[in-house]
N, C-alpha and C. Protein backbone atom coordinates (compact mmCIF):
# COMPACT_ATOMS: atom_id res chain seq x y z
N MET A 1 60.30 -45.88 -30.33
CA MET A 1 60.15 -45.00 -29.61
C MET A 1 59.05 -44.04 -30.12
N THR A 2 58.11 -43.66 -29.20
CA THR A 2 56.99 -42.92 -29.52
C THR A 2 57.47 -41.43 -29.38
N LEU A 3 57.36 -40.39 -30.16
CA LEU A 3 57.57 -39.31 -29.92
C LEU A 3 56.52 -38.28 -30.08
N THR A 4 56.09 -37.46 -29.13
CA THR A 4 54.96 -36.54 -29.18
C THR A 4 55.48 -35.13 -29.20
N ALA A 5 54.83 -34.21 -29.63
CA ALA A 5 55.27 -32.57 -29.71
C ALA A 5 55.43 -32.45 -28.36
N LEU A 6 54.72 -32.75 -27.29
CA LEU A 6 54.97 -32.40 -25.99
C LEU A 6 56.27 -32.81 -25.20
N ASP A 7 56.80 -33.95 -25.64
CA ASP A 7 58.13 -34.54 -25.08
C ASP A 7 59.15 -33.54 -24.86
N PRO A 8 59.61 -32.79 -26.08
CA PRO A 8 60.75 -31.94 -25.70
C PRO A 8 60.54 -30.73 -24.85
N ILE A 9 59.39 -30.19 -24.72
CA ILE A 9 59.02 -29.13 -23.90
C ILE A 9 58.52 -29.24 -22.62
N GLU A 10 58.91 -30.49 -21.99
CA GLU A 10 58.43 -30.54 -20.59
C GLU A 10 59.36 -29.76 -19.89
N PRO A 11 59.07 -29.06 -18.79
CA PRO A 11 59.72 -28.45 -17.95
C PRO A 11 61.07 -29.08 -17.24
N LEU A 12 62.13 -28.67 -17.49
CA LEU A 12 63.05 -29.38 -16.57
C LEU A 12 63.29 -28.80 -15.16
N SER A 13 63.62 -27.65 -14.81
CA SER A 13 63.49 -27.28 -13.38
C SER A 13 63.32 -25.86 -13.69
N GLY A 14 62.48 -25.19 -12.84
CA GLY A 14 62.03 -23.81 -12.89
C GLY A 14 61.54 -23.36 -14.25
N GLN A 15 61.64 -22.10 -14.50
CA GLN A 15 61.40 -21.39 -15.62
C GLN A 15 62.19 -21.49 -16.69
N ARG A 16 61.87 -22.03 -17.98
CA ARG A 16 63.13 -22.26 -18.95
C ARG A 16 63.14 -20.94 -19.68
N LEU A 17 61.99 -20.03 -19.71
CA LEU A 17 62.38 -18.61 -20.40
C LEU A 17 63.21 -17.70 -19.53
N ASP A 18 63.57 -18.02 -18.17
CA ASP A 18 64.58 -17.27 -17.60
C ASP A 18 65.91 -17.54 -18.13
N ARG A 19 66.01 -18.47 -18.86
CA ARG A 19 67.51 -18.78 -19.37
C ARG A 19 67.84 -17.71 -20.42
N LEU A 20 66.63 -17.33 -21.08
CA LEU A 20 66.92 -16.39 -22.42
C LEU A 20 67.14 -14.98 -21.89
N SER A 21 68.02 -14.35 -22.95
CA SER A 21 68.50 -12.70 -22.63
C SER A 21 67.02 -12.00 -22.88
N ARG A 22 67.18 -10.71 -22.85
CA ARG A 22 65.95 -9.88 -23.17
C ARG A 22 65.78 -10.09 -24.74
N ARG A 23 67.07 -9.81 -25.59
CA ARG A 23 66.89 -10.00 -26.99
C ARG A 23 66.26 -11.25 -27.63
N GLU A 24 66.82 -12.44 -26.84
CA GLU A 24 66.26 -13.77 -27.15
C GLU A 24 64.79 -13.92 -26.88
N LEU A 25 64.45 -13.26 -25.90
CA LEU A 25 62.81 -13.29 -25.71
C LEU A 25 62.15 -12.66 -26.51
N GLU A 26 62.54 -11.29 -27.03
CA GLU A 26 62.03 -10.49 -27.96
C GLU A 26 61.90 -11.28 -29.41
N VAL A 27 62.90 -11.77 -29.76
CA VAL A 27 62.86 -12.55 -31.07
C VAL A 27 61.96 -13.70 -31.07
N LEU A 28 62.03 -14.57 -29.68
CA LEU A 28 60.94 -15.47 -29.48
C LEU A 28 59.56 -15.07 -29.59
N ARG A 29 59.29 -13.87 -29.03
CA ARG A 29 57.95 -13.32 -29.21
C ARG A 29 57.45 -13.09 -30.69
N LEU A 30 58.46 -12.47 -31.40
CA LEU A 30 58.15 -12.26 -32.83
C LEU A 30 57.85 -13.54 -33.62
N ILE A 31 58.78 -14.65 -33.38
CA ILE A 31 58.67 -15.90 -33.73
C ILE A 31 57.01 -16.26 -33.47
N ALA A 32 56.65 -16.20 -32.12
CA ALA A 32 55.26 -16.47 -32.01
C ALA A 32 54.25 -15.58 -32.63
N GLN A 33 54.46 -14.58 -33.22
CA GLN A 33 53.64 -13.70 -33.91
C GLN A 33 53.65 -14.39 -35.36
N GLY A 34 54.36 -15.09 -35.68
CA GLY A 34 54.56 -15.83 -37.08
C GLY A 34 55.64 -15.31 -38.13
N LEU A 35 56.50 -14.23 -37.69
CA LEU A 35 57.48 -13.76 -38.27
C LEU A 35 58.35 -14.56 -38.76
N SER A 36 59.04 -14.41 -40.04
CA SER A 36 60.21 -15.08 -40.49
C SER A 36 61.45 -14.40 -39.89
N ASN A 37 62.70 -15.20 -40.05
CA ASN A 37 63.86 -14.59 -39.68
C ASN A 37 64.05 -13.06 -40.39
N ALA A 38 63.66 -13.12 -41.71
CA ALA A 38 64.15 -11.84 -42.47
C ALA A 38 62.98 -10.84 -41.84
N ALA A 39 61.74 -11.26 -41.63
CA ALA A 39 60.95 -9.99 -40.98
C ALA A 39 61.33 -9.71 -39.65
N ILE A 40 61.97 -10.64 -38.84
CA ILE A 40 62.46 -10.26 -37.41
C ILE A 40 63.56 -9.24 -37.71
N ALA A 41 64.24 -9.72 -38.54
CA ALA A 41 65.53 -8.70 -38.89
C ALA A 41 65.16 -7.28 -39.26
N ALA A 42 64.32 -7.17 -40.11
CA ALA A 42 63.87 -6.01 -40.44
C ALA A 42 63.14 -5.11 -39.46
N GLN A 43 62.31 -5.77 -38.81
CA GLN A 43 61.72 -5.19 -37.60
C GLN A 43 62.85 -4.76 -36.56
N LEU A 44 63.86 -5.63 -36.03
CA LEU A 44 64.75 -5.09 -34.99
C LEU A 44 65.86 -4.45 -35.60
N TYR A 45 66.05 -4.30 -36.88
CA TYR A 45 67.16 -3.59 -37.61
C TYR A 45 68.32 -4.36 -37.39
N LEU A 46 68.44 -5.75 -37.48
CA LEU A 46 69.33 -6.59 -37.38
C LEU A 46 69.84 -7.33 -38.75
N ALA A 47 70.95 -7.81 -38.60
CA ALA A 47 71.24 -8.62 -39.75
C ALA A 47 70.48 -9.83 -39.98
N GLY A 48 70.39 -10.50 -41.13
CA GLY A 48 69.59 -11.82 -41.10
C GLY A 48 70.57 -12.94 -40.26
N LYS A 49 71.72 -12.84 -40.41
CA LYS A 49 72.67 -13.83 -39.84
C LYS A 49 72.62 -13.54 -38.17
N THR A 50 72.51 -12.51 -37.79
CA THR A 50 72.27 -12.29 -36.34
C THR A 50 71.05 -12.72 -35.66
N VAL A 51 69.85 -12.86 -36.50
CA VAL A 51 68.66 -13.32 -36.13
C VAL A 51 68.81 -14.94 -35.96
N GLU A 52 69.69 -15.36 -37.18
CA GLU A 52 69.82 -16.81 -37.12
C GLU A 52 70.64 -17.26 -36.04
N THR A 53 71.66 -16.46 -35.30
CA THR A 53 72.41 -16.69 -34.42
C THR A 53 71.71 -16.63 -33.13
N VAL A 54 70.60 -15.61 -32.91
CA VAL A 54 69.82 -15.61 -31.74
C VAL A 54 68.75 -16.64 -31.65
N CYS A 55 68.34 -17.14 -32.83
CA CYS A 55 67.47 -18.37 -32.91
C CYS A 55 68.12 -19.68 -32.45
N THR A 56 69.24 -19.82 -32.90
CA THR A 56 70.26 -21.11 -32.54
C THR A 56 70.23 -20.95 -30.95
N SER A 57 70.76 -19.70 -30.48
CA SER A 57 70.85 -19.68 -28.89
C SER A 57 69.53 -20.02 -28.28
N ILE A 58 68.65 -19.56 -28.76
CA ILE A 58 67.09 -19.87 -28.30
C ILE A 58 67.07 -21.41 -27.92
N PHE A 59 67.21 -21.99 -29.17
CA PHE A 59 66.87 -23.41 -29.44
C PHE A 59 67.77 -24.16 -28.23
N ARG A 60 68.91 -23.59 -28.04
CA ARG A 60 70.10 -24.39 -27.29
C ARG A 60 69.72 -24.22 -25.80
N LYS A 61 69.48 -22.90 -25.51
CA LYS A 61 68.93 -22.59 -24.02
C LYS A 61 67.49 -23.34 -23.64
N LEU A 62 66.74 -23.66 -24.75
CA LEU A 62 65.52 -24.19 -24.36
C LEU A 62 65.74 -25.81 -24.35
N ASP A 63 66.84 -26.45 -24.60
CA ASP A 63 67.04 -27.83 -24.95
C ASP A 63 66.19 -28.38 -26.24
N LEU A 64 66.22 -27.51 -27.13
CA LEU A 64 65.44 -28.04 -28.27
C LEU A 64 66.53 -28.22 -29.46
N TYR A 65 66.99 -29.59 -30.00
CA TYR A 65 67.78 -29.98 -30.59
C TYR A 65 67.26 -30.13 -31.98
N PRO A 66 68.04 -29.94 -33.30
CA PRO A 66 67.66 -30.40 -34.65
C PRO A 66 67.05 -31.89 -34.58
N SER A 67 65.85 -31.99 -35.23
CA SER A 67 65.14 -33.29 -35.49
C SER A 67 64.43 -33.21 -36.79
N ASP A 68 64.58 -34.34 -37.28
CA ASP A 68 63.54 -34.41 -38.54
C ASP A 68 62.07 -34.68 -38.17
N HIS A 69 61.65 -34.78 -36.98
CA HIS A 69 60.49 -35.01 -36.75
C HIS A 69 59.67 -34.04 -35.91
N VAL A 70 60.61 -32.81 -35.41
CA VAL A 70 59.96 -31.81 -34.76
C VAL A 70 60.12 -30.50 -35.32
N ASN A 71 59.40 -29.43 -35.22
CA ASN A 71 59.80 -27.99 -35.58
C ASN A 71 60.21 -27.36 -34.34
N ARG A 72 61.52 -26.97 -34.27
CA ARG A 72 61.94 -26.26 -33.21
C ARG A 72 61.16 -25.15 -32.72
N ARG A 73 60.94 -24.23 -33.90
CA ARG A 73 60.40 -22.87 -33.75
C ARG A 73 59.04 -23.08 -33.22
N VAL A 74 58.18 -24.12 -33.55
CA VAL A 74 56.97 -24.35 -32.89
C VAL A 74 57.26 -24.69 -31.37
N LEU A 75 58.00 -25.68 -31.11
CA LEU A 75 58.27 -26.03 -29.96
C LEU A 75 58.78 -24.81 -28.88
N ALA A 76 59.64 -23.97 -29.31
CA ALA A 76 59.86 -22.81 -28.66
C ALA A 76 58.73 -21.85 -28.29
N VAL A 77 57.79 -21.86 -29.24
CA VAL A 77 56.67 -20.94 -29.04
C VAL A 77 55.74 -21.76 -28.09
N LEU A 78 55.53 -22.96 -28.11
CA LEU A 78 54.94 -23.74 -26.96
C LEU A 78 55.39 -23.47 -25.52
N VAL A 79 56.83 -23.44 -25.38
CA VAL A 79 57.33 -23.10 -24.16
C VAL A 79 57.05 -21.65 -23.86
N LEU A 80 56.98 -20.67 -24.67
CA LEU A 80 56.54 -19.26 -24.33
C LEU A 80 55.09 -19.24 -23.93
N LEU A 81 54.52 -19.91 -24.61
CA LEU A 81 53.02 -20.00 -24.10
C LEU A 81 52.58 -20.48 -23.03
N ARG A 82 53.33 -21.64 -22.59
CA ARG A 82 53.12 -22.23 -21.24
C ARG A 82 53.75 -21.62 -20.16
N GLU A 83 54.69 -20.86 -20.39
CA GLU A 83 55.45 -20.06 -19.36
C GLU A 83 54.65 -18.61 -19.22
N GLU A 84 54.32 -18.06 -20.14
CA GLU A 84 53.96 -16.67 -20.20
C GLU A 84 52.34 -16.77 -20.17
N GLY A 85 51.84 -17.86 -20.60
CA GLY A 85 50.30 -17.68 -20.57
C GLY A 85 49.91 -17.30 -22.13
N VAL A 86 48.85 -17.69 -22.63
CA VAL A 86 48.30 -17.24 -23.75
C VAL A 86 47.83 -15.77 -23.78
N SER A 87 48.05 -14.77 -24.44
CA SER A 87 47.60 -13.64 -24.27
C SER A 87 46.40 -13.33 -25.39
């Protein structure tokens, strides 16, 4: 099986970002800025565990599952860039 970085982020139906809550989208945008979970927690005044939970929810809603071959944070950002456009 050949796996490319784009395979997991092909659109299923409609906008995938529409599945995310406002908080999840806010966290995803901070991930796209390169922030770590700890930095996101500090910026949003959240517990680190809360940010981890939000990230897990983002990955699940975007159909990005754990893998040794791809980085889900990068793939989630690619979904964001594709659907919102590069600013």
